[in-house]
Amino acid sequence: MKKNIKPKLYTLSTCMHCKATKRFLKKNGIEYDYVDVDKLDGEEQDKVEQELLKLAGGLRFPTIVIGDKVIVGFYEDKLREALGL
């Protein structure tokens, strides 16, 4: 993995593409941080949604941040490239 960068995932608890992304990372031994945006409340949810708007231009899931790279959606090839797999 490139420079031991821990991916940050913005997900929804019910999203199948989000679950697939988590499975892919786990299968490849990649540690990651995530936040299920739909499980947040009030100000905390507003703050995360504002982050997402800046990062992805909208509320789209999963949004994956790896270093300075942002990937919107589950694209195994893009993840592999960003992670150096």
N, C-alpha and C. Protein backbone atom coordinates (compact mmCIF):
# COMPACT_ATOMS: atom_id res chain seq x y z
N MET A 1 0.85 -1.18 0.00
CA MET A 1 0.00 0.00 0.00
C MET A 1 0.89 1.24 0.00
N LYS A 2 0.46 2.22 -0.72
CA LYS A 2 1.22 3.47 -0.83
C LYS A 2 1.29 4.21 0.50
N LYS A 3 2.46 4.47 0.98
CA LYS A 3 2.73 5.36 2.10
C LYS A 3 1.82 5.15 3.31
N ASN A 4 1.32 3.95 3.49
CA ASN A 4 0.45 3.65 4.64
C ASN A 4 -0.68 4.64 4.83
N ILE A 5 -1.29 5.03 3.74
CA ILE A 5 -2.42 5.95 3.80
C ILE A 5 -3.67 5.14 4.13
N LYS A 6 -4.35 5.54 5.20
CA LYS A 6 -5.57 4.84 5.60
C LYS A 6 -6.75 5.50 4.89
N PRO A 7 -7.47 4.74 4.04
CA PRO A 7 -8.62 5.33 3.35
C PRO A 7 -9.70 5.77 4.34
N LYS A 8 -10.39 6.84 3.97
CA LYS A 8 -11.54 7.32 4.74
C LYS A 8 -12.76 7.15 3.85
N LEU A 9 -13.76 6.44 4.35
CA LEU A 9 -14.97 6.16 3.59
C LEU A 9 -16.15 6.93 4.16
N TYR A 10 -16.92 7.52 3.27
CA TYR A 10 -18.20 8.11 3.62
C TYR A 10 -19.24 7.17 3.03
N THR A 11 -20.03 6.54 3.89
CA THR A 11 -20.93 5.48 3.44
C THR A 11 -22.33 5.66 4.01
N LEU A 12 -23.24 4.84 3.50
CA LEU A 12 -24.57 4.68 4.08
C LEU A 12 -24.66 3.24 4.57
N SER A 13 -25.28 3.03 5.71
CA SER A 13 -25.33 1.69 6.30
C SER A 13 -26.09 0.70 5.43
N THR A 14 -26.97 1.18 4.56
CA THR A 14 -27.80 0.29 3.75
C THR A 14 -27.33 0.16 2.30
N CYS A 15 -26.24 0.82 1.94
CA CYS A 15 -25.78 0.90 0.55
C CYS A 15 -24.97 -0.34 0.15
N MET A 16 -25.41 -1.05 -0.88
CA MET A 16 -24.70 -2.27 -1.29
C MET A 16 -23.31 -1.97 -1.85
N HIS A 17 -23.14 -0.84 -2.51
CA HIS A 17 -21.82 -0.49 -3.04
C HIS A 17 -20.85 -0.13 -1.91
N CYS A 18 -21.40 0.48 -0.86
CA CYS A 18 -20.60 0.81 0.32
C CYS A 18 -20.13 -0.47 1.00
N LYS A 19 -21.04 -1.43 1.13
CA LYS A 19 -20.69 -2.72 1.75
C LYS A 19 -19.65 -3.45 0.91
N ALA A 20 -19.79 -3.38 -0.42
CA ALA A 20 -18.82 -4.02 -1.31
C ALA A 20 -17.44 -3.39 -1.16
N THR A 21 -17.40 -2.06 -0.99
CA THR A 21 -16.13 -1.37 -0.80
C THR A 21 -15.45 -1.83 0.49
N LYS A 22 -16.22 -1.92 1.57
CA LYS A 22 -15.67 -2.37 2.86
C LYS A 22 -15.17 -3.80 2.74
N ARG A 23 -15.93 -4.67 2.07
CA ARG A 23 -15.50 -6.07 1.87
C ARG A 23 -14.19 -6.14 1.09
N PHE A 24 -14.10 -5.35 0.03
CA PHE A 24 -12.90 -5.33 -0.81
C PHE A 24 -11.68 -4.92 0.02
N LEU A 25 -11.81 -3.85 0.79
CA LEU A 25 -10.69 -3.37 1.60
C LEU A 25 -10.29 -4.42 2.64
N LYS A 26 -11.28 -5.01 3.29
CA LYS A 26 -11.01 -6.03 4.32
C LYS A 26 -10.31 -7.23 3.70
N LYS A 27 -10.81 -7.68 2.55
CA LYS A 27 -10.23 -8.84 1.86
C LYS A 27 -8.76 -8.59 1.50
N ASN A 28 -8.43 -7.34 1.21
CA ASN A 28 -7.06 -6.99 0.82
C ASN A 28 -6.21 -6.52 2.01
N GLY A 29 -6.74 -6.69 3.22
CA GLY A 29 -5.97 -6.34 4.42
C GLY A 29 -5.73 -4.86 4.61
N ILE A 30 -6.62 -4.03 4.06
CA ILE A 30 -6.46 -2.58 4.15
C ILE A 30 -7.29 -2.07 5.34
N GLU A 31 -6.63 -1.43 6.29
CA GLU A 31 -7.36 -0.78 7.39
C GLU A 31 -7.94 0.52 6.86
N TYR A 32 -9.14 0.85 7.33
CA TYR A 32 -9.79 2.07 6.86
C TYR A 32 -10.64 2.66 7.97
N ASP A 33 -10.92 3.94 7.84
CA ASP A 33 -11.87 4.62 8.71
C ASP A 33 -13.13 4.87 7.89
N TYR A 34 -14.27 4.83 8.54
CA TYR A 34 -15.51 5.12 7.80
C TYR A 34 -16.52 5.81 8.70
N VAL A 35 -17.44 6.46 8.06
CA VAL A 35 -18.57 7.05 8.77
C VAL A 35 -19.83 6.72 7.97
N ASP A 36 -20.80 6.10 8.66
CA ASP A 36 -22.11 5.86 8.05
C ASP A 36 -22.90 7.14 8.21
N VAL A 37 -22.99 7.92 7.15
CA VAL A 37 -23.59 9.25 7.21
C VAL A 37 -25.06 9.19 7.67
N ASP A 38 -25.76 8.13 7.29
CA ASP A 38 -27.18 8.02 7.66
C ASP A 38 -27.38 7.72 9.15
N LYS A 39 -26.32 7.39 9.86
CA LYS A 39 -26.44 7.11 11.30
C LYS A 39 -26.05 8.31 12.17
N LEU A 40 -25.68 9.41 11.52
CA LEU A 40 -25.33 10.63 12.26
C LEU A 40 -26.59 11.46 12.53
N ASP A 41 -26.48 12.37 13.48
CA ASP A 41 -27.61 13.23 13.82
C ASP A 41 -27.24 14.70 13.72
N GLY A 42 -28.23 15.51 13.43
CA GLY A 42 -28.14 16.96 13.53
C GLY A 42 -26.88 17.60 13.00
N GLU A 43 -26.19 18.35 13.88
CA GLU A 43 -25.01 19.11 13.48
C GLU A 43 -23.90 18.23 12.93
N GLU A 44 -23.72 17.06 13.55
CA GLU A 44 -22.67 16.15 13.10
C GLU A 44 -22.92 15.72 11.65
N GLN A 45 -24.17 15.38 11.35
CA GLN A 45 -24.53 14.99 9.99
C GLN A 45 -24.36 16.16 9.03
N ASP A 46 -24.77 17.34 9.43
CA ASP A 46 -24.62 18.53 8.58
C ASP A 46 -23.15 18.78 8.25
N LYS A 47 -22.28 18.65 9.26
CA LYS A 47 -20.85 18.89 9.08
C LYS A 47 -20.27 17.89 8.06
N VAL A 48 -20.61 16.62 8.21
CA VAL A 48 -20.10 15.58 7.30
C VAL A 48 -20.66 15.79 5.89
N GLU A 49 -21.92 16.16 5.79
CA GLU A 49 -22.50 16.42 4.47
C GLU A 49 -21.80 17.58 3.77
N GLN A 50 -21.42 18.61 4.53
CA GLN A 50 -20.67 19.74 3.95
C GLN A 50 -19.30 19.28 3.45
N GLU A 51 -18.63 18.40 4.23
CA GLU A 51 -17.35 17.82 3.79
C GLU A 51 -17.54 17.09 2.46
N LEU A 52 -18.60 16.30 2.38
CA LEU A 52 -18.88 15.53 1.17
C LEU A 52 -19.13 16.43 -0.04
N LEU A 53 -19.87 17.50 0.18
CA LEU A 53 -20.15 18.43 -0.92
C LEU A 53 -18.85 19.00 -1.48
N LYS A 54 -17.90 19.32 -0.59
CA LYS A 54 -16.61 19.84 -1.03
C LYS A 54 -15.79 18.77 -1.74
N LEU A 55 -15.79 17.55 -1.19
CA LEU A 55 -14.97 16.46 -1.74
C LEU A 55 -15.52 15.92 -3.05
N ALA A 56 -16.83 15.65 -3.08
CA ALA A 56 -17.42 14.90 -4.19
C ALA A 56 -18.40 15.71 -5.02
N GLY A 57 -18.68 16.93 -4.61
CA GLY A 57 -19.62 17.75 -5.35
C GLY A 57 -21.06 17.35 -5.15
N GLY A 58 -21.31 16.48 -4.19
CA GLY A 58 -22.67 16.03 -3.90
C GLY A 58 -22.65 14.96 -2.85
N LEU A 59 -23.83 14.51 -2.47
CA LEU A 59 -23.95 13.44 -1.49
C LEU A 59 -24.06 12.13 -2.25
N ARG A 60 -22.90 11.56 -2.55
CA ARG A 60 -22.84 10.33 -3.34
C ARG A 60 -22.03 9.30 -2.56
N PHE A 61 -22.51 8.06 -2.61
CA PHE A 61 -21.92 7.02 -1.76
C PHE A 61 -21.58 5.76 -2.54
N PRO A 62 -20.49 5.10 -2.18
CA PRO A 62 -19.51 5.56 -1.21
C PRO A 62 -18.61 6.64 -1.81
N THR A 63 -18.15 7.54 -0.96
CA THR A 63 -17.08 8.46 -1.33
C THR A 63 -15.86 8.02 -0.55
N ILE A 64 -14.77 7.74 -1.26
CA ILE A 64 -13.56 7.19 -0.66
C ILE A 64 -12.43 8.19 -0.86
N VAL A 65 -11.78 8.55 0.25
CA VAL A 65 -10.66 9.48 0.19
C VAL A 65 -9.39 8.70 0.53
N ILE A 66 -8.45 8.70 -0.42
CA ILE A 66 -7.17 8.03 -0.22
C ILE A 66 -6.10 9.08 -0.52
N GLY A 67 -5.49 9.60 0.54
CA GLY A 67 -4.53 10.69 0.37
C GLY A 67 -5.24 11.89 -0.22
N ASP A 68 -4.77 12.36 -1.39
CA ASP A 68 -5.43 13.50 -2.03
C ASP A 68 -6.36 13.06 -3.16
N LYS A 69 -6.58 11.75 -3.27
CA LYS A 69 -7.45 11.21 -4.32
C LYS A 69 -8.84 10.93 -3.76
N VAL A 70 -9.87 11.31 -4.51
CA VAL A 70 -11.25 11.05 -4.12
C VAL A 70 -11.88 10.16 -5.18
N ILE A 71 -12.45 9.04 -4.72
CA ILE A 71 -13.13 8.10 -5.62
C ILE A 71 -14.59 8.05 -5.18
N VAL A 72 -15.48 8.30 -6.11
CA VAL A 72 -16.92 8.24 -5.81
C VAL A 72 -17.47 6.98 -6.47
N GLY A 73 -18.00 6.10 -5.65
CA GLY A 73 -18.52 4.82 -6.15
C GLY A 73 -17.51 3.71 -5.92
N PHE A 74 -17.99 2.47 -6.07
CA PHE A 74 -17.11 1.30 -5.88
C PHE A 74 -16.55 0.89 -7.23
N TYR A 75 -15.31 1.27 -7.46
CA TYR A 75 -14.59 0.91 -8.68
C TYR A 75 -13.30 0.22 -8.26
N GLU A 76 -13.32 -1.12 -8.34
CA GLU A 76 -12.19 -1.89 -7.85
C GLU A 76 -10.87 -1.48 -8.51
N ASP A 77 -10.91 -1.22 -9.83
CA ASP A 77 -9.67 -0.84 -10.52
C ASP A 77 -9.12 0.49 -10.00
N LYS A 78 -9.99 1.47 -9.76
CA LYS A 78 -9.54 2.76 -9.25
C LYS A 78 -9.01 2.62 -7.81
N LEU A 79 -9.67 1.78 -7.02
CA LEU A 79 -9.20 1.54 -5.65
C LEU A 79 -7.82 0.88 -5.66
N ARG A 80 -7.67 -0.14 -6.51
CA ARG A 80 -6.38 -0.84 -6.59
C ARG A 80 -5.26 0.14 -6.97
N GLU A 81 -5.54 0.99 -7.94
CA GLU A 81 -4.53 1.96 -8.38
C GLU A 81 -4.18 2.95 -7.27
N ALA A 82 -5.21 3.49 -6.61
CA ALA A 82 -4.98 4.47 -5.54
C ALA A 82 -4.25 3.87 -4.34
N LEU A 83 -4.48 2.57 -4.10
CA LEU A 83 -3.87 1.90 -2.96
C LEU A 83 -2.53 1.24 -3.32
N GLY A 84 -2.21 1.22 -4.59
CA GLY A 84 -0.97 0.58 -5.03
C GLY A 84 -1.03 -0.93 -4.92
N LEU A 85 -2.19 -1.52 -5.16
CA LEU A 85 -2.36 -2.98 -5.09
C LEU A 85 -2.10 -3.63 -6.43
